[in-house]
Amino acid sequence: MQRSTTVNKLVLKSTFQFFARLMSLFTTEPSDESGMNTHLTVARQYLSALERGVGRDELATFFTDDVVQEEFPNRLVPNGATRDLNALLEGNERGKQIMARQYYNITNIVEASDLVVLEVQWSGTLAHAVGPLAAGDTMHARFAVFLEFRDGKISAQRNYDCFEPW
């Protein structure tokens, strides 16, 4: 039994290392002719802007006028939602009223052509009570965010948000 457990651990470790090397092929930051990073830089700046709680006008600069954001069903939005630019910006303003602060920690990145996929560990400290959580409590979630780009701006965003139980 001990030997098979050791063999299983070695196989699992080798498999993990193989996939980690494979994923590294897709997680480089491509540059344009000027040497500046493109879509991934914009994606990082976008999350940073959300953390800083920037205003509506500054946040709007990240998106095309016809952006569509889809938030798939989760604990806070049980039926999911589809938003245009105005609804996306309004939702962000409402969220800033509920959250005292929030943090986005990118744990994985995949970039291919005009698509950036981010795996994110999020935490947010509540400014007001939400359900059984009191003001000052911290919520945690894991997100997968798919950002499609056109002309250097986000033209589509799909969120798969998994909140930790509360």
N, C-alpha and C. Protein backbone atom coordinates (compact mmCIF):
# COMPACT_ATOMS: atom_id res chain seq x y z
N MET A 1 0.83 -1.19 0.00
CA MET A 1 0.00 0.00 0.00
C MET A 1 0.86 1.25 0.00
N GLN A 2 1.92 1.26 0.83
CA GLN A 2 2.82 2.41 0.93
C GLN A 2 3.46 2.70 -0.42
N ARG A 3 3.91 1.64 -1.14
CA ARG A 3 4.58 1.82 -2.43
C ARG A 3 3.64 2.42 -3.46
N SER A 4 2.38 1.95 -3.52
CA SER A 4 1.44 2.48 -4.50
C SER A 4 1.10 3.94 -4.20
N THR A 5 1.05 4.32 -2.94
CA THR A 5 0.80 5.71 -2.57
C THR A 5 1.95 6.58 -3.02
N THR A 6 3.18 6.12 -2.84
CA THR A 6 4.36 6.86 -3.26
C THR A 6 4.38 7.00 -4.78
N VAL A 7 4.09 5.93 -5.49
CA VAL A 7 4.05 5.96 -6.95
C VAL A 7 2.96 6.94 -7.42
N ASN A 8 1.79 6.89 -6.80
CA ASN A 8 0.71 7.80 -7.18
C ASN A 8 1.12 9.26 -6.97
N LYS A 9 1.82 9.55 -5.87
CA LYS A 9 2.28 10.92 -5.61
C LYS A 9 3.28 11.37 -6.66
N LEU A 10 4.19 10.45 -7.06
CA LEU A 10 5.18 10.79 -8.09
C LEU A 10 4.51 11.04 -9.44
N VAL A 11 3.55 10.21 -9.79
CA VAL A 11 2.83 10.39 -11.04
C VAL A 11 2.07 11.72 -11.03
N LEU A 12 1.41 12.01 -9.92
CA LEU A 12 0.67 13.25 -9.79
C LEU A 12 1.60 14.45 -9.90
N LYS A 13 2.75 14.38 -9.23
CA LYS A 13 3.72 15.48 -9.27
C LYS A 13 4.25 15.67 -10.69
N SER A 14 4.58 14.60 -11.38
CA SER A 14 5.08 14.69 -12.76
C SER A 14 4.02 15.27 -13.69
N THR A 15 2.78 14.83 -13.51
CA THR A 15 1.69 15.35 -14.32
C THR A 15 1.50 16.84 -14.08
N PHE A 16 1.53 17.25 -12.82
CA PHE A 16 1.39 18.66 -12.48
C PHE A 16 2.51 19.48 -13.12
N GLN A 17 3.76 19.00 -13.02
CA GLN A 17 4.90 19.72 -13.60
C GLN A 17 4.76 19.83 -15.11
N PHE A 18 4.29 18.77 -15.76
CA PHE A 18 4.09 18.81 -17.21
C PHE A 18 3.08 19.88 -17.58
N PHE A 19 1.93 19.91 -16.89
CA PHE A 19 0.90 20.90 -17.21
C PHE A 19 1.34 22.31 -16.85
N ALA A 20 2.13 22.46 -15.80
CA ALA A 20 2.64 23.79 -15.44
C ALA A 20 3.55 24.30 -16.55
N ARG A 21 4.43 23.42 -17.08
CA ARG A 21 5.29 23.83 -18.20
C ARG A 21 4.47 24.15 -19.43
N LEU A 22 3.46 23.34 -19.70
CA LEU A 22 2.59 23.57 -20.84
C LEU A 22 1.87 24.91 -20.73
N MET A 23 1.34 25.21 -19.55
CA MET A 23 0.63 26.48 -19.33
C MET A 23 1.57 27.66 -19.47
N SER A 24 2.84 27.50 -19.11
CA SER A 24 3.78 28.61 -19.20
C SER A 24 3.97 29.06 -20.64
N LEU A 25 3.72 28.17 -21.59
CA LEU A 25 3.82 28.55 -23.00
C LEU A 25 2.75 29.56 -23.39
N PHE A 26 1.65 29.60 -22.65
CA PHE A 26 0.53 30.47 -22.98
C PHE A 26 0.40 31.68 -22.07
N THR A 27 1.35 31.87 -21.18
CA THR A 27 1.19 32.95 -20.21
C THR A 27 2.25 34.04 -20.33
N THR A 28 2.86 34.16 -21.48
CA THR A 28 3.82 35.23 -21.68
C THR A 28 3.08 36.52 -22.00
N GLU A 29 3.75 37.63 -21.82
CA GLU A 29 3.15 38.92 -22.09
C GLU A 29 3.66 39.43 -23.43
N PRO A 30 2.90 39.25 -24.52
CA PRO A 30 3.36 39.72 -25.82
C PRO A 30 3.46 41.23 -25.85
N SER A 31 4.36 41.72 -26.68
CA SER A 31 4.56 43.16 -26.79
C SER A 31 4.24 43.62 -28.20
N ASP A 32 3.85 44.89 -28.31
CA ASP A 32 3.66 45.47 -29.63
C ASP A 32 5.01 45.98 -30.12
N GLU A 33 5.04 46.68 -31.26
CA GLU A 33 6.29 47.13 -31.86
C GLU A 33 7.08 48.07 -30.95
N SER A 34 6.41 48.82 -30.09
CA SER A 34 7.08 49.78 -29.22
C SER A 34 7.66 49.11 -27.97
N GLY A 35 7.42 47.80 -27.80
CA GLY A 35 7.91 47.12 -26.62
C GLY A 35 6.93 47.19 -25.45
N MET A 36 5.80 47.86 -25.64
CA MET A 36 4.80 47.98 -24.58
C MET A 36 3.92 46.73 -24.57
N ASN A 37 3.60 46.24 -23.39
CA ASN A 37 2.67 45.13 -23.28
C ASN A 37 1.29 45.63 -23.64
N THR A 38 0.47 44.76 -24.20
CA THR A 38 -0.82 45.19 -24.71
C THR A 38 -1.98 44.73 -23.85
N HIS A 39 -2.72 43.75 -24.29
CA HIS A 39 -3.97 43.35 -23.63
C HIS A 39 -3.78 42.98 -22.17
N LEU A 40 -2.72 42.26 -21.85
CA LEU A 40 -2.50 41.86 -20.47
C LEU A 40 -2.26 43.09 -19.59
N THR A 41 -1.53 44.06 -20.10
CA THR A 41 -1.31 45.29 -19.34
C THR A 41 -2.62 45.99 -19.07
N VAL A 42 -3.48 46.08 -20.07
CA VAL A 42 -4.79 46.72 -19.90
C VAL A 42 -5.61 45.94 -18.86
N ALA A 43 -5.57 44.61 -18.93
CA ALA A 43 -6.32 43.79 -17.97
C ALA A 43 -5.84 44.05 -16.54
N ARG A 44 -4.53 44.12 -16.36
CA ARG A 44 -3.99 44.39 -15.02
C ARG A 44 -4.38 45.80 -14.55
N GLN A 45 -4.30 46.77 -15.46
CA GLN A 45 -4.68 48.14 -15.12
C GLN A 45 -6.16 48.23 -14.76
N TYR A 46 -6.98 47.47 -15.44
CA TYR A 46 -8.41 47.43 -15.16
C TYR A 46 -8.68 46.94 -13.74
N LEU A 47 -8.06 45.81 -13.36
CA LEU A 47 -8.25 45.30 -11.99
C LEU A 47 -7.70 46.29 -10.96
N SER A 48 -6.61 46.92 -11.27
CA SER A 48 -6.05 47.92 -10.37
C SER A 48 -7.01 49.10 -10.20
N ALA A 49 -7.63 49.51 -11.28
CA ALA A 49 -8.61 50.61 -11.22
C ALA A 49 -9.80 50.21 -10.35
N LEU A 50 -10.25 48.96 -10.46
CA LEU A 50 -11.34 48.48 -9.61
C LEU A 50 -10.93 48.51 -8.15
N GLU A 51 -9.70 48.08 -7.86
CA GLU A 51 -9.21 48.11 -6.47
C GLU A 51 -9.17 49.53 -5.92
N ARG A 52 -8.75 50.47 -6.76
CA ARG A 52 -8.62 51.86 -6.31
C ARG A 52 -9.97 52.57 -6.23
N GLY A 53 -11.01 51.96 -6.78
CA GLY A 53 -12.34 52.56 -6.73
C GLY A 53 -12.46 53.80 -7.60
N VAL A 54 -11.86 53.75 -8.80
CA VAL A 54 -11.90 54.91 -9.69
C VAL A 54 -13.34 55.26 -10.05
N GLY A 55 -13.52 56.47 -10.53
CA GLY A 55 -14.83 56.95 -10.91
C GLY A 55 -15.31 56.36 -12.23
N ARG A 56 -16.55 56.62 -12.50
CA ARG A 56 -17.24 56.11 -13.69
C ARG A 56 -16.51 56.45 -14.99
N ASP A 57 -16.09 57.71 -15.14
CA ASP A 57 -15.46 58.14 -16.39
C ASP A 57 -14.13 57.42 -16.62
N GLU A 58 -13.33 57.30 -15.57
CA GLU A 58 -12.04 56.61 -15.73
C GLU A 58 -12.25 55.13 -16.02
N LEU A 59 -13.21 54.50 -15.35
CA LEU A 59 -13.47 53.09 -15.60
C LEU A 59 -13.96 52.87 -17.03
N ALA A 60 -14.75 53.78 -17.55
CA ALA A 60 -15.30 53.65 -18.90
C ALA A 60 -14.20 53.60 -19.96
N THR A 61 -13.03 54.17 -19.68
CA THR A 61 -11.95 54.20 -20.68
C THR A 61 -11.41 52.82 -21.01
N PHE A 62 -11.70 51.83 -20.18
CA PHE A 62 -11.22 50.47 -20.43
C PHE A 62 -12.09 49.71 -21.44
N PHE A 63 -13.27 50.24 -21.76
CA PHE A 63 -14.25 49.48 -22.53
C PHE A 63 -14.58 50.13 -23.87
N THR A 64 -14.97 49.29 -24.83
CA THR A 64 -15.56 49.80 -26.05
C THR A 64 -16.97 50.27 -25.73
N ASP A 65 -17.52 51.12 -26.57
CA ASP A 65 -18.88 51.63 -26.32
C ASP A 65 -19.93 50.53 -26.34
N ASP A 66 -19.66 49.45 -27.09
CA ASP A 66 -20.65 48.37 -27.21
C ASP A 66 -20.29 47.13 -26.38
N VAL A 67 -19.50 47.32 -25.32
CA VAL A 67 -19.09 46.20 -24.48
C VAL A 67 -20.32 45.45 -23.94
N VAL A 68 -20.16 44.14 -23.78
CA VAL A 68 -21.18 43.31 -23.14
C VAL A 68 -20.48 42.54 -22.03
N GLN A 69 -21.01 42.67 -20.83
CA GLN A 69 -20.48 41.93 -19.70
C GLN A 69 -21.52 40.90 -19.28
N GLU A 70 -21.09 39.65 -19.17
CA GLU A 70 -21.95 38.58 -18.69
C GLU A 70 -21.42 38.10 -17.36
N GLU A 71 -22.28 38.09 -16.36
CA GLU A 71 -21.94 37.54 -15.05
C GLU A 71 -22.81 36.31 -14.87
N PHE A 72 -22.17 35.17 -14.80
CA PHE A 72 -22.92 33.93 -14.70
C PHE A 72 -23.41 33.72 -13.28
N PRO A 73 -24.47 32.91 -13.09
CA PRO A 73 -25.10 32.78 -11.77
C PRO A 73 -24.09 32.49 -10.66
N ASN A 74 -24.29 33.19 -9.56
CA ASN A 74 -23.43 33.01 -8.39
C ASN A 74 -24.24 33.39 -7.15
N ARG A 75 -23.61 33.38 -6.03
CA ARG A 75 -24.30 33.63 -4.75
C ARG A 75 -24.95 35.01 -4.69
N LEU A 76 -24.29 36.01 -5.27
CA LEU A 76 -24.82 37.38 -5.21
C LEU A 76 -25.78 37.70 -6.35
N VAL A 77 -25.61 37.01 -7.47
CA VAL A 77 -26.46 37.24 -8.65
C VAL A 77 -26.98 35.87 -9.10
N PRO A 78 -27.98 35.33 -8.38
CA PRO A 78 -28.41 33.94 -8.61
C PRO A 78 -28.90 33.64 -10.02
N ASN A 79 -29.42 34.64 -10.72
CA ASN A 79 -29.90 34.42 -12.08
C ASN A 79 -28.91 34.89 -13.13
N GLY A 80 -27.74 35.34 -12.70
CA GLY A 80 -26.77 35.88 -13.64
C GLY A 80 -27.24 37.22 -14.16
N ALA A 81 -26.43 37.84 -15.00
CA ALA A 81 -26.78 39.15 -15.56
C ALA A 81 -26.00 39.39 -16.84
N THR A 82 -26.61 40.14 -17.73
CA THR A 82 -25.94 40.63 -18.93
C THR A 82 -26.05 42.14 -18.90
N ARG A 83 -24.91 42.82 -19.04
CA ARG A 83 -24.89 44.28 -18.89
C ARG A 83 -24.22 44.95 -20.09
N ASP A 84 -24.76 46.10 -20.48
CA ASP A 84 -24.08 46.96 -21.45
C ASP A 84 -23.17 47.90 -20.68
N LEU A 85 -22.53 48.83 -21.37
CA LEU A 85 -21.58 49.72 -20.71
C LEU A 85 -22.21 50.50 -19.56
N ASN A 86 -23.36 51.09 -19.80
CA ASN A 86 -24.01 51.89 -18.76
C ASN A 86 -24.35 51.04 -17.53
N ALA A 87 -24.93 49.86 -17.74
CA ALA A 87 -25.29 48.98 -16.63
C ALA A 87 -24.04 48.49 -15.89
N LEU A 88 -22.97 48.21 -16.63
CA LEU A 88 -21.72 47.78 -16.01
C LEU A 88 -21.17 48.88 -15.10
N LEU A 89 -21.18 50.12 -15.58
CA LEU A 89 -20.67 51.24 -14.79
C LEU A 89 -21.58 51.53 -13.58
N GLU A 90 -22.89 51.43 -13.77
CA GLU A 90 -23.83 51.62 -12.65
C GLU A 90 -23.63 50.54 -11.59
N GLY A 91 -23.43 49.30 -12.04
CA GLY A 91 -23.19 48.20 -11.11
C GLY A 91 -21.92 48.42 -10.30
N ASN A 92 -20.90 48.94 -10.95
CA ASN A 92 -19.66 49.23 -10.24
C ASN A 92 -19.88 50.31 -9.18
N GLU A 93 -20.67 51.34 -9.51
CA GLU A 93 -20.95 52.41 -8.54
C GLU A 93 -21.73 51.86 -7.34
N ARG A 94 -22.70 50.97 -7.59
CA ARG A 94 -23.44 50.34 -6.49
C ARG A 94 -22.51 49.50 -5.62
N GLY A 95 -21.63 48.76 -6.27
CA GLY A 95 -20.69 47.92 -5.54
C GLY A 95 -19.76 48.73 -4.65
N LYS A 96 -19.36 49.90 -5.12
CA LYS A 96 -18.48 50.76 -4.31
C LYS A 96 -19.19 51.26 -3.06
N GLN A 97 -20.52 51.31 -3.09
CA GLN A 97 -21.27 51.72 -1.89
C GLN A 97 -21.31 50.60 -0.85
N ILE A 98 -21.22 49.35 -1.31
CA ILE A 98 -21.29 48.20 -0.42
C ILE A 98 -19.91 47.81 0.12
N MET A 99 -18.88 47.94 -0.72
CA MET A 99 -17.54 47.50 -0.35
C MET A 99 -16.70 48.67 0.15
N ALA A 100 -16.06 48.50 1.31
CA ALA A 100 -15.13 49.51 1.82
C ALA A 100 -13.84 49.46 1.02
N ARG A 101 -13.41 48.26 0.66
CA ARG A 101 -12.23 48.07 -0.19
C ARG A 101 -12.27 46.64 -0.73
N GLN A 102 -11.52 46.46 -1.82
CA GLN A 102 -11.44 45.14 -2.42
C GLN A 102 -10.07 44.93 -3.04
N TYR A 103 -9.67 43.66 -3.12
CA TYR A 103 -8.36 43.30 -3.64
C TYR A 103 -8.50 42.18 -4.66
N TYR A 104 -7.71 42.27 -5.73
CA TYR A 104 -7.69 41.27 -6.79
C TYR A 104 -6.28 40.71 -6.87
N ASN A 105 -6.13 39.41 -6.61
CA ASN A 105 -4.84 38.75 -6.72
C ASN A 105 -4.91 37.79 -7.90
N ILE A 106 -4.20 38.11 -8.97
CA ILE A 106 -4.19 37.25 -10.16
C ILE A 106 -3.32 36.04 -9.87
N THR A 107 -3.91 34.85 -10.00
CA THR A 107 -3.16 33.63 -9.72
C THR A 107 -2.80 32.86 -10.98
N ASN A 108 -3.44 33.19 -12.09
CA ASN A 108 -3.17 32.50 -13.35
C ASN A 108 -3.59 33.40 -14.50
N ILE A 109 -2.84 33.33 -15.59
CA ILE A 109 -3.12 34.15 -16.76
C ILE A 109 -2.95 33.29 -18.00
N VAL A 110 -3.88 33.41 -18.93
CA VAL A 110 -3.74 32.83 -20.25
C VAL A 110 -4.10 33.93 -21.24
N GLU A 111 -3.21 34.16 -22.20
CA GLU A 111 -3.47 35.18 -23.22
C GLU A 111 -3.31 34.54 -24.58
N ALA A 112 -4.29 34.75 -25.43
CA ALA A 112 -4.25 34.23 -26.79
C ALA A 112 -4.93 35.23 -27.71
N SER A 113 -4.16 35.83 -28.59
CA SER A 113 -4.68 36.79 -29.55
C SER A 113 -5.39 37.94 -28.82
N ASP A 114 -6.70 38.09 -29.02
CA ASP A 114 -7.45 39.19 -28.41
C ASP A 114 -8.21 38.76 -27.16
N LEU A 115 -7.77 37.67 -26.52
CA LEU A 115 -8.43 37.15 -25.32
C LEU A 115 -7.43 37.06 -24.18
N VAL A 116 -7.83 37.57 -23.02
CA VAL A 116 -7.04 37.39 -21.79
C VAL A 116 -7.96 36.71 -20.78
N VAL A 117 -7.49 35.61 -20.20
CA VAL A 117 -8.24 34.89 -19.18
C VAL A 117 -7.46 35.00 -17.88
N LEU A 118 -8.15 35.46 -16.84
CA LEU A 118 -7.53 35.64 -15.54
C LEU A 118 -8.22 34.76 -14.51
N GLU A 119 -7.42 34.07 -13.73
CA GLU A 119 -7.94 33.41 -12.53
C GLU A 119 -7.56 34.33 -11.38
N VAL A 120 -8.55 34.70 -10.59
CA VAL A 120 -8.34 35.75 -9.59
C VAL A 120 -8.85 35.29 -8.23
N GLN A 121 -8.06 35.57 -7.20
CA GLN A 121 -8.54 35.44 -5.82
C GLN A 121 -8.93 36.84 -5.38
N TRP A 122 -10.19 37.00 -5.03
CA TRP A 122 -10.73 38.30 -4.67
C TRP A 122 -11.09 38.31 -3.19
N SER A 123 -10.90 39.46 -2.57
CA SER A 123 -11.43 39.66 -1.23
C SER A 123 -11.96 41.08 -1.15
N GLY A 124 -13.03 41.23 -0.41
CA GLY A 124 -13.64 42.54 -0.25
C GLY A 124 -14.14 42.74 1.16
N THR A 125 -13.82 43.90 1.71
CA THR A 125 -14.28 44.24 3.05
C THR A 125 -15.56 45.06 2.93
N LEU A 126 -16.58 44.63 3.65
CA LEU A 126 -17.89 45.25 3.53
C LEU A 126 -17.96 46.60 4.26
N ALA A 127 -18.55 47.58 3.59
CA ALA A 127 -18.84 48.86 4.23
C ALA A 127 -20.19 48.79 4.94
N HIS A 128 -21.07 47.92 4.44
CA HIS A 128 -22.42 47.73 4.99
C HIS A 128 -22.70 46.24 5.09
N ALA A 129 -23.62 45.88 5.95
CA ALA A 129 -24.00 44.47 6.12
C ALA A 129 -24.60 43.92 4.83
N VAL A 130 -24.28 42.66 4.55
CA VAL A 130 -24.86 41.93 3.42
C VAL A 130 -25.26 40.57 3.96
N GLY A 131 -26.56 40.28 3.95
CA GLY A 131 -27.03 39.01 4.51
C GLY A 131 -26.56 38.87 5.94
N PRO A 132 -25.96 37.73 6.28
CA PRO A 132 -25.51 37.53 7.67
C PRO A 132 -24.17 38.21 7.97
N LEU A 133 -23.54 38.82 6.98
CA LEU A 133 -22.24 39.46 7.18
C LEU A 133 -22.42 40.90 7.63
N ALA A 134 -21.60 41.30 8.60
CA ALA A 134 -21.66 42.65 9.15
C ALA A 134 -20.68 43.56 8.43
N ALA A 135 -20.90 44.86 8.55
CA ALA A 135 -19.93 45.83 8.05
C ALA A 135 -18.58 45.52 8.68
N GLY A 136 -17.53 45.55 7.87
CA GLY A 136 -16.19 45.22 8.35
C GLY A 136 -15.79 43.77 8.11
N ASP A 137 -16.77 42.89 7.85
CA ASP A 137 -16.45 41.50 7.52
C ASP A 137 -15.84 41.46 6.12
N THR A 138 -15.08 40.39 5.86
CA THR A 138 -14.44 40.23 4.56
C THR A 138 -15.04 39.05 3.82
N MET A 139 -15.40 39.30 2.58
CA MET A 139 -15.88 38.24 1.69
C MET A 139 -14.70 37.77 0.84
N HIS A 140 -14.75 36.49 0.42
CA HIS A 140 -13.70 35.92 -0.42
C HIS A 140 -14.34 35.20 -1.59
N ALA A 141 -13.67 35.23 -2.73
CA ALA A 141 -14.17 34.52 -3.91
C ALA A 141 -13.01 34.17 -4.83
N ARG A 142 -13.27 33.22 -5.70
CA ARG A 142 -12.37 32.89 -6.81
C ARG A 142 -13.13 33.24 -8.06
N PHE A 143 -12.47 33.95 -8.96
CA PHE A 143 -13.09 34.38 -10.22
C PHE A 143 -12.30 33.83 -11.40
N ALA A 144 -13.01 33.50 -12.45
CA ALA A 144 -12.41 33.34 -13.77
C ALA A 144 -13.01 34.47 -14.60
N VAL A 145 -12.16 35.30 -15.16
CA VAL A 145 -12.61 36.46 -15.93
C VAL A 145 -12.05 36.34 -17.34
N PHE A 146 -12.93 36.31 -18.31
CA PHE A 146 -12.55 36.25 -19.71
C PHE A 146 -12.75 37.63 -20.32
N LEU A 147 -11.67 38.23 -20.79
CA LEU A 147 -11.73 39.57 -21.37
C LEU A 147 -11.38 39.48 -22.85
N GLU A 148 -12.30 39.93 -23.70
CA GLU A 148 -12.04 40.00 -25.14
C GLU A 148 -11.74 41.45 -25.48
N PHE A 149 -10.76 41.65 -26.36
CA PHE A 149 -10.31 43.00 -26.70
C PHE A 149 -10.55 43.32 -28.17
N ARG A 150 -10.82 44.59 -28.40
CA ARG A 150 -10.92 45.14 -29.75
C ARG A 150 -10.34 46.56 -29.69
N ASP A 151 -9.41 46.85 -30.55
CA ASP A 151 -8.78 48.18 -30.60
C ASP A 151 -8.22 48.59 -29.24
N GLY A 152 -7.65 47.64 -28.51
CA GLY A 152 -6.99 47.94 -27.24
C GLY A 152 -7.91 48.12 -26.05
N LYS A 153 -9.22 47.89 -26.26
CA LYS A 153 -10.18 48.05 -25.16
C LYS A 153 -10.96 46.75 -24.97
N ILE A 154 -11.55 46.60 -23.79
CA ILE A 154 -12.35 45.41 -23.49
C ILE A 154 -13.69 45.53 -24.22
N SER A 155 -13.97 44.55 -25.07
CA SER A 155 -15.23 44.55 -25.83
C SER A 155 -16.23 43.53 -25.29
N ALA A 156 -15.74 42.58 -24.50
CA ALA A 156 -16.61 41.59 -23.88
C ALA A 156 -15.93 41.10 -22.60
N GLN A 157 -16.75 40.86 -21.58
CA GLN A 157 -16.25 40.34 -20.31
C GLN A 157 -17.22 39.29 -19.81
N ARG A 158 -16.66 38.12 -19.46
CA ARG A 158 -17.47 37.05 -18.88
C ARG A 158 -16.88 36.70 -17.53
N ASN A 159 -17.73 36.73 -16.49
CA ASN A 159 -17.29 36.44 -15.13
C ASN A 159 -17.93 35.15 -14.63
N TYR A 160 -17.09 34.29 -14.09
CA TYR A 160 -17.51 33.08 -13.41
C TYR A 160 -17.04 33.24 -11.97
N ASP A 161 -17.91 33.72 -11.10
CA ASP A 161 -17.56 34.09 -9.73
C ASP A 161 -18.02 33.01 -8.75
N CYS A 162 -17.09 32.51 -7.95
CA CYS A 162 -17.39 31.47 -6.95
C CYS A 162 -17.09 32.04 -5.57
N PHE A 163 -18.12 32.41 -4.85
CA PHE A 163 -17.96 32.99 -3.52
C PHE A 163 -17.83 31.90 -2.47
N GLU A 164 -16.95 32.15 -1.50
CA GLU A 164 -16.85 31.22 -0.37
C GLU A 164 -18.12 31.32 0.46
N PRO A 165 -18.51 30.24 1.10
CA PRO A 165 -19.75 30.27 1.90
C PRO A 165 -19.68 31.30 3.01
N TRP A 166 -20.85 31.84 3.32
CA TRP A 166 -20.98 32.72 4.49
C TRP A 166 -22.27 32.45 5.18
